Amino acid sequence: MTWSPVLELTEKIKSIVADSFGLHSEEVTLDTGPSNTPSWDSFGQMELVLNIEQEFDITLEFDEIFKIVSTQTLLEVVENKLDESRK
């Protein structure tokens, strides 16, 4: 398997999701979200956002936070934010 920056980012985000919600990292998939993770409530969402912001040194806007409904959408939001910061 080839290692890529996207794969590395995906694994880092899965790890942060696992830590934020008390899951094992192998339990986290791109489909993991509030609908299938009982600990992913509004307080957990804010903890997740804070952990993401600290890890990547970014600030998520209100509308970006509400786009996060799964690990996949979190990944997309972070990728977009990191792309913006590189411009």
Protein backbone atom coordinates (compact mmCIF):
# COMPACT_ATOMS: atom_id res chain seq x y z
CA MET A 1 0.00 0.00 0.00
CA THR A 2 1.34 3.40 -0.94
CA TRP A 3 1.35 6.11 1.70
CA SER A 4 -0.05 9.46 0.60
CA PRO A 5 -0.79 12.80 2.26
CA VAL A 6 -4.54 12.19 1.83
CA LEU A 7 -4.29 8.78 3.49
CA GLU A 8 -2.19 10.28 6.29
CA LEU A 9 -4.79 13.04 6.82
CA THR A 10 -7.60 10.47 6.81
CA GLU A 11 -5.84 8.34 9.45
CA LYS A 12 -5.08 11.41 11.61
CA ILE A 13 -8.74 12.52 11.48
CA LYS A 14 -9.97 8.99 12.28
CA SER A 15 -7.63 8.98 15.28
CA ILE A 16 -8.99 12.34 16.50
CA VAL A 17 -12.58 11.10 16.05
CA ALA A 18 -11.73 7.98 18.06
CA ASP A 19 -10.10 10.01 20.86
CA SER A 20 -12.95 12.54 20.94
CA PHE A 21 -15.66 9.90 21.33
CA GLY A 22 -13.88 7.19 23.32
CA LEU A 23 -13.70 4.74 20.41
CA HIS A 24 -10.95 2.42 19.25
CA SER A 25 -9.40 3.81 16.07
CA GLU A 26 -10.24 0.61 14.15
CA GLU A 27 -13.93 1.23 14.96
CA VAL A 28 -13.91 4.56 13.11
CA THR A 29 -14.88 4.52 9.43
CA LEU A 30 -15.71 7.33 7.05
CA ASP A 31 -19.38 6.64 7.85
CA THR A 32 -18.92 7.13 11.60
CA GLY A 33 -21.14 9.99 12.74
CA PRO A 34 -23.81 11.07 15.22
CA SER A 35 -26.39 8.70 13.72
CA ASN A 36 -24.35 5.59 14.59
CA THR A 37 -22.16 6.78 17.49
CA PRO A 38 -24.07 7.34 20.76
CA SER A 39 -21.25 9.43 22.28
CA TRP A 40 -21.30 11.82 19.26
CA ASP A 41 -23.66 14.42 20.72
CA SER A 42 -23.51 18.21 20.64
CA PHE A 43 -20.91 18.37 23.42
CA GLY A 44 -18.83 15.71 21.70
CA GLN A 45 -19.11 17.63 18.43
CA MET A 46 -17.64 20.73 20.08
CA GLU A 47 -14.82 18.71 21.65
CA LEU A 48 -14.12 17.19 18.24
CA VAL A 49 -14.01 20.64 16.64
CA LEU A 50 -11.61 21.92 19.33
CA ASN A 51 -9.36 18.88 18.87
CA ILE A 52 -9.33 19.35 15.09
CA GLU A 53 -8.61 23.08 15.39
CA GLN A 54 -5.71 22.45 17.77
CA GLU A 55 -4.23 19.61 15.73
CA PHE A 56 -4.30 21.44 12.40
CA ASP A 57 -3.98 25.04 13.69
CA ILE A 58 -7.17 26.11 11.92
CA THR A 59 -10.41 27.79 12.96
CA LEU A 60 -13.64 26.28 11.69
CA GLU A 61 -16.47 28.65 10.93
CA PHE A 62 -20.01 28.10 12.22
CA ASP A 63 -21.30 26.86 8.84
CA GLU A 64 -18.34 24.47 8.49
CA ILE A 65 -19.03 22.94 11.91
CA PHE A 66 -22.63 22.21 10.90
CA LYS A 67 -21.45 20.42 7.75
CA ILE A 68 -19.77 17.78 9.93
CA VAL A 69 -22.16 14.82 10.01
CA SER A 70 -19.61 12.01 9.60
CA THR A 71 -15.89 11.34 9.52
CA GLN A 72 -16.10 11.76 5.73
CA THR A 73 -17.62 15.24 5.91
CA LEU A 74 -15.12 16.19 8.64
CA LEU A 75 -12.30 15.11 6.33
CA GLU A 76 -13.74 17.22 3.50
CA VAL A 77 -14.11 20.29 5.72
CA VAL A 78 -10.53 19.96 7.00
CA GLU A 79 -9.13 19.38 3.49
CA ASN A 80 -10.91 22.50 2.22
CA LYS A 81 -9.72 24.55 5.19
CA LEU A 82 -6.11 23.40 4.76
CA ASP A 83 -6.29 24.16 1.02
CA GLU A 84 -7.56 27.68 1.80
CA SER A 85 -4.71 28.30 4.22
CA ARG A 86 -2.13 27.32 1.58
CA LYS A 87 -3.36 29.96 -0.88
